[in-house]
Every structure is written in C-alpha cells, then in structure tokens.
Protein backbone atom coordinates (compact mmCIF):
# COMPACT_ATOMS: atom_id res chain seq x y z
CA MET A 1 4.50 -21.49 -22.40
CA THR A 2 5.05 -20.16 -18.88
CA MET A 3 4.04 -16.58 -18.08
CA LEU A 4 4.82 -14.47 -15.02
CA LEU A 5 1.97 -12.34 -13.69
CA VAL A 6 3.12 -9.44 -11.50
CA ASN A 7 -0.07 -8.48 -9.70
CA ARG A 8 -1.51 -6.12 -7.12
CA ARG A 9 -5.19 -6.16 -8.12
CA PRO A 10 -8.09 -8.30 -6.74
CA LEU A 11 -8.49 -10.46 -9.84
CA LEU A 12 -6.81 -13.74 -8.94
CA ASP A 13 -10.05 -15.70 -8.65
CA ARG A 14 -10.83 -14.91 -12.31
CA LEU A 15 -7.57 -16.22 -13.73
CA PRO A 16 -8.87 -19.76 -14.46
CA GLN A 17 -11.72 -18.19 -16.46
CA TRP A 18 -9.37 -16.00 -18.49
CA PHE A 19 -6.56 -18.59 -18.75
CA PRO A 20 -8.02 -22.12 -18.85
CA ASP A 21 -4.49 -23.56 -18.61
CA ALA A 22 -3.48 -21.32 -15.69
CA ALA A 23 -2.47 -24.32 -13.59
CA ASP A 24 0.25 -25.14 -16.13
CA GLU A 25 1.27 -21.73 -17.46
CA LEU A 26 0.85 -18.97 -14.84
CA VAL A 27 3.44 -18.07 -12.21
CA VAL A 28 1.89 -15.40 -10.00
CA PHE A 29 3.85 -12.91 -7.90
CA THR A 30 1.33 -10.91 -5.91
CA ASP A 31 0.92 -8.24 -3.30
CA PRO A 32 -0.91 -9.61 -0.22
CA SER A 33 -3.70 -7.04 -0.66
CA ALA A 34 -4.81 -8.82 -3.85
CA LEU A 35 -5.75 -11.86 -1.74
CA ALA A 36 -8.00 -10.00 0.70
CA GLY A 37 -11.20 -11.99 1.12
CA ARG A 38 -9.88 -14.81 -1.05
CA ASP A 39 -8.76 -18.35 -0.28
CA ALA A 40 -5.00 -18.28 -0.88
CA ASP A 41 -4.83 -22.08 -1.03
CA ALA A 42 -7.52 -22.21 -3.72
CA VAL A 43 -5.70 -19.56 -5.72
CA ALA A 44 -2.43 -21.48 -5.36
CA ARG A 45 -4.09 -24.64 -6.69
CA SER A 46 -5.39 -22.77 -9.74
CA VAL A 47 -1.97 -21.61 -10.97
CA ARG A 48 1.43 -23.18 -11.52
CA HIS A 49 3.07 -21.21 -8.72
CA LEU A 50 1.82 -18.55 -6.31
CA GLU A 51 4.20 -16.31 -4.42
CA ILE A 52 2.98 -13.70 -1.93
CA ALA A 53 5.45 -10.84 -1.56
CA ASP A 54 5.50 -8.95 1.74
CA ASP A 55 7.83 -6.35 0.17
CA TYR A 56 6.13 -6.17 -3.21
CA ASP A 57 7.70 -2.87 -4.31
CA GLY A 58 11.18 -3.28 -2.84
CA PRO A 59 14.46 -4.07 -4.64
CA ALA A 60 14.44 -7.61 -3.26
CA ALA A 61 11.14 -8.18 -5.07
CA THR A 62 12.70 -7.20 -8.38
CA GLU A 63 15.53 -9.66 -7.79
CA ARG A 64 13.01 -12.35 -6.95
CA LEU A 65 11.12 -11.69 -10.17
CA ALA A 66 14.32 -12.27 -12.11
CA GLU A 67 14.86 -15.52 -10.22
CA LEU A 68 11.34 -16.66 -11.12
CA CYS A 69 11.99 -15.86 -14.78
CA ARG A 70 15.04 -18.13 -14.72
CA ALA A 71 13.53 -20.89 -12.59
CA TYR A 72 10.37 -21.28 -14.68
CA ASP A 73 11.77 -20.33 -18.09
CA VAL A 74 9.25 -17.48 -18.33
CA ARG A 75 8.32 -16.49 -21.89
CA ARG A 76 5.93 -13.59 -21.18
CA ILE A 77 5.55 -11.04 -18.36
CA LEU A 78 2.06 -9.75 -17.54
CA THR A 79 1.12 -6.70 -15.45
CA VAL A 80 -2.08 -4.87 -14.49
CA ALA A 81 -0.86 -1.86 -12.45
CA GLU A 82 0.98 1.29 -13.44
CA GLY A 83 3.67 0.84 -10.81
CA ASP A 84 4.78 -2.42 -12.43
CA LEU A 85 5.11 -1.29 -16.05
CA VAL A 86 8.70 -0.08 -15.97
CA ARG A 87 10.18 -2.96 -13.98
CA ALA A 88 8.34 -5.43 -16.20
CA ALA A 89 9.81 -3.70 -19.27
CA ARG A 90 13.30 -3.94 -17.77
CA LEU A 91 12.82 -7.64 -17.07
CA ARG A 92 11.70 -8.18 -20.65
CA ARG A 93 14.86 -6.49 -21.88
CA ALA A 94 17.06 -8.54 -19.52
CA PHE A 95 15.54 -11.84 -20.68
CA GLY A 96 14.87 -10.96 -24.32
CA LEU A 97 11.10 -11.26 -24.00
CA PRO A 98 8.43 -9.64 -26.19
CA GLY A 99 6.07 -6.94 -24.97
CA GLN A 100 6.08 -3.31 -23.96
CA ASP A 101 9.61 -1.88 -23.77
CA GLU A 102 10.98 0.69 -21.35
CA GLU A 103 10.59 3.64 -23.71
CA SER A 104 6.87 2.99 -24.06
CA ALA A 105 6.41 2.21 -20.36
CA LEU A 106 8.08 5.48 -19.35
CA ALA A 107 5.96 7.45 -21.80
CA PHE A 108 2.82 6.17 -20.07
CA THR A 109 4.08 6.62 -16.48
CA HIS A 110 6.51 9.57 -16.33
CA LYS A 111 4.30 12.65 -16.60
CA HIS A 112 6.88 15.00 -18.13
CA THR A 113 8.06 12.41 -20.66
CA MET A 114 4.41 11.68 -21.51
CA LYS A 115 3.36 15.28 -22.06
CA ALA A 116 6.53 16.27 -23.87
CA ALA A 117 5.93 13.45 -26.37
CA ALA A 118 2.27 14.39 -26.70
CA ALA A 119 3.09 18.07 -27.25
CA ALA A 120 5.68 17.14 -29.87
CA GLY A 121 2.89 15.29 -31.68
CA GLY A 122 0.68 18.38 -31.70
CA ILE A 123 -1.50 17.42 -28.72
CA PRO A 124 -2.65 20.39 -26.56
CA VAL A 125 -1.23 20.14 -23.03
CA ALA A 126 -0.95 22.60 -20.16
CA PRO A 127 2.16 24.80 -20.08
CA MET A 128 4.56 22.79 -17.92
CA ARG A 129 8.11 22.58 -16.65
CA TYR A 130 10.32 19.89 -15.13
CA VAL A 131 11.35 21.56 -11.87
CA THR A 132 14.15 20.51 -9.54
CA ASP A 133 14.43 23.44 -7.12
CA ALA A 134 12.67 26.47 -5.61
CA PRO A 135 14.06 29.02 -8.10
CA GLY A 136 12.76 26.92 -10.97
CA LEU A 137 9.26 26.80 -9.49
CA LEU A 138 9.29 30.54 -8.73
CA ASP A 139 10.37 31.26 -12.29
CA PHE A 140 7.54 29.10 -13.65
CA ALA A 141 5.03 30.95 -11.45
CA ASP A 142 6.33 34.30 -12.73
CA ALA A 143 5.87 33.11 -16.30
CA HIS A 144 2.44 31.47 -15.98
CA GLY A 145 0.75 32.94 -12.90
CA PHE A 146 -1.74 31.31 -10.55
CA PRO A 147 -3.30 28.93 -9.81
CA LEU A 148 -0.54 26.49 -10.62
CA VAL A 149 -0.33 22.74 -10.14
CA VAL A 150 2.66 20.85 -8.73
CA LYS A 151 2.68 17.07 -8.91
CA ARG A 152 4.96 14.07 -8.66
CA LEU A 153 6.50 12.86 -11.89
CA THR A 154 4.96 9.40 -11.43
CA GLY A 155 1.97 7.96 -9.62
CA GLY A 156 -1.78 8.47 -9.64
CA GLY A 157 -4.81 9.15 -7.48
CA ALA A 158 -3.73 12.81 -6.97
CA VAL A 159 -1.23 11.66 -4.32
CA GLY A 160 1.52 14.25 -3.96
CA MET A 161 -0.39 16.84 -6.00
CA SER A 162 -0.75 20.45 -4.83
CA VAL A 163 -2.78 23.31 -6.28
CA LEU A 164 -1.22 26.66 -5.33
CA ALA A 165 -3.73 29.50 -5.53
CA ASP A 166 -1.40 32.47 -5.07
CA ARG A 167 2.11 33.56 -4.12
CA PRO A 168 1.62 33.13 -0.34
CA ALA A 169 0.50 29.54 -0.99
CA LEU A 170 3.61 29.03 -3.10
CA ARG A 171 5.84 30.37 -0.32
CA ARG A 172 4.20 28.04 2.22
CA PHE A 173 4.66 25.12 -0.16
CA LEU A 174 8.36 25.89 -0.58
CA GLU A 175 8.85 26.31 3.17
CA GLU A 176 7.28 22.91 3.81
CA ARG A 177 9.45 21.34 1.14
CA ALA A 178 12.56 22.97 2.54
CA GLY A 179 11.77 21.45 5.93
CA GLU A 180 11.82 18.03 4.27
CA GLY A 181 15.27 18.61 2.77
CA GLU A 182 16.19 19.17 -0.87
CA PRO A 183 12.94 18.83 -2.88
CA PRO A 184 12.89 16.07 -5.50
CA ALA A 185 12.14 16.77 -9.12
CA MET A 186 8.51 17.59 -9.83
CA LEU A 187 6.22 18.72 -12.60
CA ALA A 188 4.82 22.24 -12.52
CA GLU A 189 1.80 22.99 -14.69
CA ALA A 190 -0.42 25.96 -15.41
CA TRP A 191 -3.99 25.60 -14.23
CA ILE A 192 -6.47 24.46 -16.89
CA LYS A 193 -10.06 25.52 -16.30
CA GLY A 194 -12.74 23.15 -17.50
CA GLU A 195 -14.61 19.91 -16.96
CA VAL A 196 -12.57 16.73 -16.54
CA TYR A 197 -13.39 13.64 -18.60
CA HIS A 198 -11.79 10.21 -18.78
CA VAL A 199 -11.68 7.86 -21.74
CA ASN A 200 -11.20 4.12 -21.19
CA GLY A 201 -10.64 1.30 -23.62
CA VAL A 202 -7.96 -0.69 -25.41
CA MET A 203 -5.19 0.11 -27.88
CA ALA A 204 -2.57 -1.85 -29.82
CA ASP A 205 0.54 -0.80 -31.71
CA GLY A 206 -0.24 2.90 -31.36
CA VAL A 207 -3.86 2.62 -32.53
CA LEU A 208 -6.95 3.13 -30.39
CA LEU A 209 -9.18 0.09 -30.96
CA HIS A 210 -12.04 0.89 -28.61
CA GLY A 211 -12.76 3.68 -26.16
CA TRP A 212 -15.59 5.45 -24.39
CA PRO A 213 -15.63 8.70 -22.40
CA ALA A 214 -17.10 9.49 -19.01
CA LEU A 215 -17.43 12.66 -16.94
CA TYR A 216 -15.92 13.19 -13.50
CA LEU A 217 -18.30 15.25 -11.36
CA ASN A 218 -15.37 16.43 -9.21
CA THR A 219 -11.65 16.60 -9.87
CA GLN A 220 -9.33 14.01 -8.39
CA TRP A 221 -7.62 16.83 -6.50
CA ALA A 222 -10.96 17.56 -4.80
CA ASN A 223 -11.48 13.85 -4.14
CA TYR A 224 -8.12 13.48 -2.43
CA HIS A 225 -7.78 16.85 -0.71
CA THR A 226 -11.39 17.59 0.30
CA SER A 227 -12.94 14.08 0.32
CA ALA A 228 -15.41 15.15 -2.39
CA PRO A 229 -17.19 12.01 -3.67
CA LEU A 230 -15.63 10.44 -6.75
CA VAL A 231 -18.73 10.22 -8.96
CA SER A 232 -18.47 9.51 -12.67
CA GLY A 233 -20.74 8.44 -15.51
CA MET A 234 -20.50 7.51 -19.19
CA LEU A 235 -21.51 9.99 -21.88
CA PRO A 236 -24.48 9.12 -24.11
CA ALA A 237 -23.51 8.03 -27.62
CA ASP A 238 -25.25 10.96 -29.30
CA ASP A 239 -23.45 13.60 -27.23
CA PRO A 240 -21.25 15.46 -29.77
CA LEU A 241 -18.44 15.59 -27.21
CA CYS A 242 -18.38 11.78 -27.03
CA ARG A 243 -16.78 11.34 -30.47
CA ARG A 244 -14.47 14.31 -30.01
CA LEU A 245 -13.03 12.94 -26.77
CA VAL A 246 -12.42 9.51 -28.32
CA ASP A 247 -10.77 11.06 -31.38
CA ALA A 248 -8.57 13.27 -29.18
CA THR A 249 -7.49 10.22 -27.19
CA ALA A 250 -6.68 8.35 -30.41
CA GLU A 251 -4.33 11.20 -31.34
CA VAL A 252 -2.60 10.92 -27.95
CA VAL A 253 -2.18 7.15 -28.32
CA ALA A 254 -0.66 7.65 -31.77
CA ALA A 255 1.76 10.31 -30.47
CA LEU A 256 3.33 8.15 -27.72
CA PRO A 257 5.79 5.27 -28.20
CA ALA A 258 3.67 2.26 -29.12
CA ALA A 259 3.60 -1.11 -27.42
CA PRO A 260 2.71 -4.35 -29.22
CA GLY A 261 -0.49 -6.22 -28.56
CA VAL A 262 -3.72 -5.13 -26.94
CA LEU A 263 -3.30 -3.04 -23.80
CA PRO A 264 -5.86 -1.07 -21.77
CA PHE A 265 -5.61 2.68 -21.33
CA HIS A 266 -7.07 5.34 -19.05
CA ALA A 267 -6.88 8.90 -20.39
CA GLU A 268 -7.93 12.08 -18.61
CA LEU A 269 -8.75 15.22 -20.58
CA PHE A 270 -9.99 18.74 -19.92
CA HIS A 271 -12.79 20.34 -21.92
CA THR A 272 -12.23 24.06 -21.55
CA PRO A 273 -14.79 26.92 -21.68
CA ASP A 274 -13.21 27.78 -25.07
CA ASP A 275 -14.25 24.33 -26.36
CA GLU A 276 -10.68 23.02 -26.49
CA ILE A 277 -9.75 19.49 -25.45
CA VAL A 278 -6.47 19.39 -23.50
CA LEU A 279 -4.62 16.29 -22.35
CA CYS A 280 -4.30 15.90 -18.59
CA GLU A 281 -2.65 12.44 -18.49
CA ILE A 282 -2.85 9.00 -20.06
CA ALA A 283 -1.97 5.68 -18.46
CA CYS A 284 -1.28 2.31 -20.06
CA ARG A 285 -3.43 0.31 -17.64
CA ALA A 286 -7.04 0.05 -16.58
CA GLY A 287 -8.52 2.96 -14.66
CA GLY A 288 -9.10 2.77 -10.94
CA ALA A 289 -12.17 2.93 -8.68
CA GLY A 290 -15.18 1.42 -10.50
CA ILE A 291 -14.02 1.90 -14.08
CA VAL A 292 -13.27 -1.77 -14.81
CA GLU A 293 -16.64 -2.96 -13.52
CA VAL A 294 -18.57 -0.20 -15.30
CA HIS A 295 -16.82 -0.96 -18.58
CA GLU A 296 -17.53 -4.67 -18.32
CA LEU A 297 -21.22 -4.02 -17.59
CA SER A 298 -21.58 -1.73 -20.60
CA PHE A 299 -19.34 -3.43 -23.17
CA GLY A 300 -18.72 -7.00 -21.97
CA LEU A 301 -15.01 -6.16 -21.86
CA ASN A 302 -12.97 -6.57 -18.69
CA LEU A 303 -10.02 -4.21 -19.09
CA TYR A 304 -7.78 -6.28 -16.80
CA GLN A 305 -8.49 -9.39 -18.86
CA ALA A 306 -7.88 -7.52 -22.11
CA GLY A 307 -4.44 -6.35 -20.99
CA LEU A 308 -3.43 -9.76 -19.69
CA LEU A 309 -4.47 -11.51 -22.89
CA GLY A 310 -2.72 -8.87 -25.00
CA GLN A 311 0.53 -9.25 -23.07
CA ALA A 312 0.21 -13.03 -23.34
CA GLY A 313 0.20 -12.75 -27.14
CA ARG A 314 -3.52 -13.56 -27.33
CA SER A 315 -4.90 -10.25 -28.54
CA ASP A 316 -7.23 -12.10 -30.93
CA GLN A 317 -9.19 -13.31 -27.88
CA VAL A 318 -10.08 -9.77 -26.74
CA ARG A 319 -13.74 -9.06 -27.53
CA TRP A 320 -16.32 -6.37 -26.78
CA HIS A 321 -19.82 -5.59 -27.96
CA GLU A 322 -21.66 -2.42 -28.91
CA PRO A 323 -22.50 -0.20 -25.93
CA GLY A 324 -25.30 -1.41 -23.73
CA PRO A 325 -26.93 0.74 -21.03
CA ALA A 326 -24.63 3.46 -19.71
CA HIS A 327 -23.25 3.06 -16.20
CA GLY A 328 -21.38 5.08 -13.62
CA HIS A 329 -19.67 4.67 -10.30
CA GLY A 330 -19.46 6.45 -6.99
CA TRP A 331 -16.46 5.98 -4.73
CA PHE A 332 -17.14 7.67 -1.40
CA LEU A 333 -13.97 8.73 0.35
CA PRO A 334 -13.27 8.91 4.08
CA ARG A 335 -13.10 12.30 5.71
CA ALA A 336 -10.61 13.22 8.42
CA GLY A 337 -12.79 12.47 11.43
CA THR A 338 -15.00 9.87 13.04
CA LEU A 339 -17.58 8.07 10.94
CA ARG A 340 -20.90 8.17 12.80
CA ARG A 341 -23.40 6.93 10.22
CA ILE A 342 -23.11 5.16 6.88
CA PRO A 343 -26.05 3.98 4.74
CA GLU A 344 -26.48 0.20 4.69
CA HIS A 345 -28.04 0.18 1.22
CA CYS A 346 -28.55 2.56 -1.69
CA PRO A 347 -32.21 3.33 -2.50
CA LEU A 348 -31.48 5.04 -5.84
CA PRO A 349 -33.44 3.33 -8.66
CA GLY A 350 -30.36 2.78 -10.84
CA ALA A 351 -28.23 1.11 -8.16
CA VAL A 352 -26.57 -2.08 -9.45
CA ARG A 353 -24.17 -2.81 -6.59
CA TYR A 354 -23.49 -1.03 -3.32
CA ARG A 355 -21.08 -2.13 -0.62
CA THR A 356 -19.50 -0.56 2.39
CA SER A 357 -16.21 -0.96 4.21
CA GLY A 358 -16.54 1.99 6.58
CA VAL A 359 -16.97 1.21 10.28
CA PRO A 360 -19.16 3.57 12.36
CA GLY A 361 -17.26 4.82 15.38
CA ARG A 362 -13.87 4.51 13.67
CA HIS A 363 -11.64 7.54 13.24
CA TYR A 364 -10.19 8.05 9.76
CA PRO A 365 -7.22 10.25 8.86
CA GLY A 366 -8.70 11.09 5.46
CA PRO A 367 -8.25 9.46 2.05
CA ARG A 368 -4.98 7.73 1.11
CA SER A 369 -5.62 8.54 -2.55
CA ALA A 370 -8.43 9.74 -4.80
CA ASN A 371 -9.52 6.08 -5.17
CA ASP A 372 -9.87 5.37 -1.43
CA SER A 373 -13.37 4.64 -0.13
CA VAL A 374 -15.62 3.71 2.76
CA ALA A 375 -18.44 2.81 0.34
CA GLN A 376 -18.72 2.00 -3.36
CA LEU A 377 -21.63 2.22 -5.75
CA ILE A 378 -22.12 1.02 -9.33
CA PHE A 379 -25.22 2.42 -10.98
CA ALA A 380 -27.06 2.42 -14.31
CA LEU A 381 -27.62 5.84 -15.77
CA PRO A 382 -31.04 7.05 -16.88
CA ASP A 383 -31.53 7.85 -20.55
CA THR A 384 -30.91 11.55 -20.05
CA HIS A 385 -28.83 14.34 -21.51
CA ASP A 386 -28.42 15.90 -18.08
CA LEU A 387 -25.45 13.75 -17.08
CA PRO A 388 -24.12 16.24 -14.48
CA GLY A 389 -27.58 16.33 -12.90
CA ALA A 390 -27.73 12.53 -12.71
CA LEU A 391 -24.30 12.43 -11.08
CA ARG A 392 -25.24 15.17 -8.60
CA THR A 393 -28.25 13.06 -7.58
CA VAL A 394 -25.83 10.29 -6.55
CA GLN A 395 -23.56 12.72 -4.72
CA ASP A 396 -26.47 14.43 -2.92
CA TRP A 397 -27.85 11.08 -1.73
CA TRP A 398 -24.50 10.17 -0.21
CA LEU A 399 -23.88 13.52 1.45
CA ASP A 400 -27.35 13.45 3.01
CA ALA A 401 -27.05 9.84 4.20
CA VAL A 402 -23.55 9.78 5.72
CA ARG A 403 -22.48 11.58 8.89
CA TRP A 404 -19.00 12.45 10.16
CA ASP A 405 -17.77 14.16 13.33
C-alpha cells in the first residue's frame, strides 16, 4: 500500500524506524525546511519517492499532490502539521480515501468553528464573535469591555493575535487595519484571566486515549509580542488539577467532529481565579516547541509517530508507558535587537539537552512566532509541588545569561 506523507517537520530521518517498509510504501512531499541539516540523498533512498517543494503552501503544490496520488495509486494521506489538515482532507474526499474528513479538520483548525462546536457541547469558552468589519468589533467591545483579544481564524504561535487593553488601543488597531484595506474576517474574544495550561496526547474516534497537562509560565501572546521565554513543564500526577485538565480535554474531544484512527492533539486551557477551566483552543496535531521531545522522554510516545501510524491505519502499533520523570522545555525567543551574548551550555542540574542557533553580533527583528528561538532547552523537573518556581528558575537563568542591545 502506497501512502503520501505531506510534511513540514524535521522527522524524515526517523521514517525508516517508524515505517520499516518506507522504501516501498512512502511517497514524501516535503517543505525544504524539513531537510535542514539532513542528507537529502539519504532520505530519498529511504523512501519510495521524495519531492522537495519550493512552493509548499501554494496552489501549484496542491495540484502536484493530486498528481502524486494518481501516479502512485496512493491509498492513505499522512500529515503532521496543522496547515496541511484541510487540504489533506480535501484530497481524501477527491480520491475516496479513508481518514479525517473536512468537517473534522475544520473543527480543529478554524477557531470560530472549533469554539462554536465546543460551546454547543457544553464546554466553557470565552465570549466570542466572528467579526468582518470595524462596526462589528466596536459592537463586541461595547458588549464585553476590555481587554479584548482579536486573532486570525486559523494559524498558531500567536501570529496575528492582538490584545487590546482599552478603547484608544482599539481605535489604533482599526486605523492600522484600515490602512491595509478592508480587514479580513477575524475572531474577537473577551479576555480570560487565569493561568494557561496545555494538554498533549492522542485521541481516536472522539475519545481521548492518553493525555497529560503542562503549565505555560508565560502566555503565547507574551512570547510572541514581548519575547518572554516560552517555558513549560508537566504537572505532577498527584496535583488535583492534573486529572481535571485531562477530563476537561476529553470533553472537548468528544464535542468536536471525530476523526478515525489515532491522532495527536494539543489543547490549551485557562484555569481561572474562580477555579473554572475554560477552553482556549485545541489542535489535531502535535504541539510545537519542545512538546514532542518532552512527551517522548516521559511516556515513550512520539506524537508525530503516533499520528502517522494512526493515519496509516496502524493505530494498534501506537504504544506508551506510564509516566516516567516529568520534563519541561524552554524555547528562548529572539528580541528585536542585536544579540551580544548567548550561553554556550546550560548549568542547571536538570538539563537534558541544550542547543543554540543564535549568532552573537547578528541583528534580529524579533520572533516570527511564539515557537521561534535562538536557544532551546529540554530539562527534567525536580520532584516538587512548586512547578511555577521550578519554571521561573529556568527563565531567570536565561535572562541573566543572555544579553541583547
């Protein structure tokens, strides 16, 4: 059986491990970035066909994917990134292939569709409105006050997200949008106060099979807009909030249109001062930054692998074990300025892996998304109930060690 992998993640060197018959059954259509630091010829030898797309997201790429389906008699389509879910679903429909359909893909990518379905299922969400023009946004602000959040209907990493603190900020936002022409449709939401958690794991047919929560020290808005470090760590098993967050996520999964087979998910939830759990968003793919590596260290489950096997019709091969030591990750974002000093190693006792990509003396315009970085850290967490304190230790080390002008 031939399968088409539509890929933009750095996982190609692991395909022979996950698919022993990759040389006979995998046709790979990939963004060039997924080959960074890898031997393209070696990858090509490990699969049936490798195609590197310079215009990975363009309409010509979609046409080429259809041509590959016909040329290789593709029986399954596999994806790992959110931006590929809908076009993969449309290709499945065009060729009569099994897997996630467009209704389910949209529910996990289009933020208004997602939250409307969740709310209809009784899931708490922020007051929101699908907004297409300035009067609609002004009306929403009159109804719900400030701060308010405006975001794109699709996408992640806090790209295109604005937090408007008051009416003058709203006026400035509308003036900027007017200068860009007629504003596109967007999602307006009331501000939810509280800590932000994420739950990661796998689901199948509308049922959460496995999941574990972690705390974000800072919001993704702060990561993207202020270059605050993206530091996160897993909750201990005996934290009462651990079970509540998993159960809340299971309710969200059950409320959205289900997809067959094992698929990974990444859910983000608020825990409010009133002890309410409110859905922020949920995605039908593995989380970004260090989430995949952290999850594999703690559970023996690679979320990319799980999704690929599930889409290949091999859900029975997806395995995980009981939680081992808790882990976390720190993604350290570029500031707008010149990088003068970056630590060459991490002296923290729990450090598992630390690597840098930042170049001293180089000027950076700031982060491209909340998952951008000049350095990355994976760390084991101490056996402590002061998770925020442990995460602040990581953040404080970085802020003391790096220097920007």
